[in-house]
Amino acid sequence: MKSVLITGCSSGIGLCLAKGLKQKGYQVFATARGDIDVEKLKNLGLDAYQLDLSSSVSIQRAMSHVYEHYSNFLAVVITIKSKISE
């Protein structure tokens, strides 16, 4: 089974991609910054993790969880940025 990690899954394109790829048979690791959003993703049946790309600790923690539960390599990593910094 191919696996994909998607950031920014709390809404919009990230959420749509996560749901669509899961439906197509991918192992989807959906991430979001907020705990409430992570719970929402889990309630949708997705493997969901808290991930804040501005924090190296958060990145390390999320990747540790992914590799703990899925020992194969990730086929794809998709990063969705919800806000553009000025």
Protein backbone atom coordinates (compact mmCIF):
# COMPACT_ATOMS: atom_id res chain seq x y z
CA MET A 1 0.00 0.00 0.00
CA LYS A 2 1.38 3.41 -0.93
CA SER A 3 1.55 5.96 1.84
CA VAL A 4 1.24 9.72 1.85
CA LEU A 5 1.74 12.36 4.53
CA ILE A 6 -0.31 15.51 3.99
CA THR A 7 0.08 18.70 6.00
CA GLY A 8 -2.68 21.26 6.42
CA CYS A 9 -5.57 18.78 6.54
CA SER A 10 -7.80 20.78 8.88
CA SER A 11 -9.81 22.10 5.92
CA GLY A 12 -9.79 22.95 2.23
CA ILE A 13 -7.46 21.27 -0.23
CA GLY A 14 -5.55 19.32 2.42
CA LEU A 15 -8.71 17.78 3.86
CA CYS A 16 -10.09 17.02 0.40
CA LEU A 17 -6.83 15.34 -0.66
CA ALA A 18 -6.67 13.27 2.53
CA LYS A 19 -10.22 11.98 2.13
CA GLY A 20 -9.84 11.35 -1.60
CA LEU A 21 -6.54 9.49 -1.35
CA LYS A 22 -7.82 7.36 1.54
CA GLN A 23 -10.82 6.44 -0.62
CA LYS A 24 -8.39 5.46 -3.42
CA GLY A 25 -6.62 3.04 -1.06
CA TYR A 26 -3.64 5.05 0.12
CA GLN A 27 -2.37 4.91 3.69
CA VAL A 28 -2.93 8.59 4.57
CA PHE A 29 -1.21 10.36 7.44
CA ALA A 30 -3.21 13.55 7.81
CA THR A 31 -1.73 16.36 9.88
CA ALA A 32 -3.00 19.60 11.36
CA ARG A 33 -1.68 22.14 13.85
CA GLY A 34 -4.57 22.09 16.30
CA ASP A 35 -5.60 19.25 18.59
CA ILE A 36 -9.29 19.79 17.81
CA ASP A 37 -8.56 19.48 14.08
CA VAL A 38 -6.55 16.29 14.68
CA GLU A 39 -9.50 14.78 16.55
CA LYS A 40 -11.82 15.77 13.69
CA LEU A 41 -9.53 13.98 11.24
CA LYS A 42 -9.41 10.86 13.42
CA ASN A 43 -13.23 10.88 13.58
CA LEU A 44 -13.20 10.77 9.77
CA GLY A 45 -11.18 7.54 9.96
CA LEU A 46 -7.82 9.08 9.03
CA ASP A 47 -4.51 8.44 10.77
CA ALA A 48 -4.05 11.95 12.12
CA TYR A 49 -1.22 13.68 13.93
CA GLN A 50 -0.49 17.14 15.28
CA LEU A 51 2.17 18.85 13.15
CA ASP A 52 3.36 22.44 13.15
CA LEU A 53 5.91 22.92 10.37
CA SER A 54 7.42 25.92 12.16
CA SER A 55 8.52 23.69 15.05
CA SER A 56 11.34 21.16 14.65
CA VAL A 57 10.14 19.40 17.81
CA SER A 58 6.65 19.02 16.32
CA ILE A 59 8.08 17.69 13.05
CA GLN A 60 10.25 15.15 14.85
CA ARG A 61 7.34 14.02 17.04
CA ALA A 62 4.96 13.58 14.10
CA MET A 63 7.49 11.67 12.01
CA SER A 64 8.32 9.42 14.96
CA HIS A 65 4.61 8.55 15.26
CA VAL A 66 4.36 7.82 11.54
CA TYR A 67 7.41 5.56 11.47
CA GLU A 68 6.32 3.85 14.70
CA HIS A 69 3.07 2.76 13.06
CA TYR A 70 4.24 2.34 9.49
CA SER A 71 7.73 1.00 8.91
CA ASN A 72 7.75 1.37 5.11
CA PHE A 73 8.83 4.54 3.36
CA LEU A 74 6.47 7.36 2.52
CA ALA A 75 5.68 7.41 -1.19
CA VAL A 76 4.55 11.05 -1.17
CA VAL A 77 4.68 14.08 1.12
CA ILE A 78 2.25 16.89 0.28
CA THR A 79 2.60 20.23 2.04
CA ILE A 80 -0.37 22.58 2.02
CA LYS A 81 0.28 26.10 3.28
CA SER A 82 -2.87 27.82 4.41
CA LYS A 83 -1.51 31.32 4.93
CA ILE A 84 1.04 33.29 3.02
CA SER A 85 3.30 35.35 5.25
CA GLU A 86 3.75 38.97 4.31
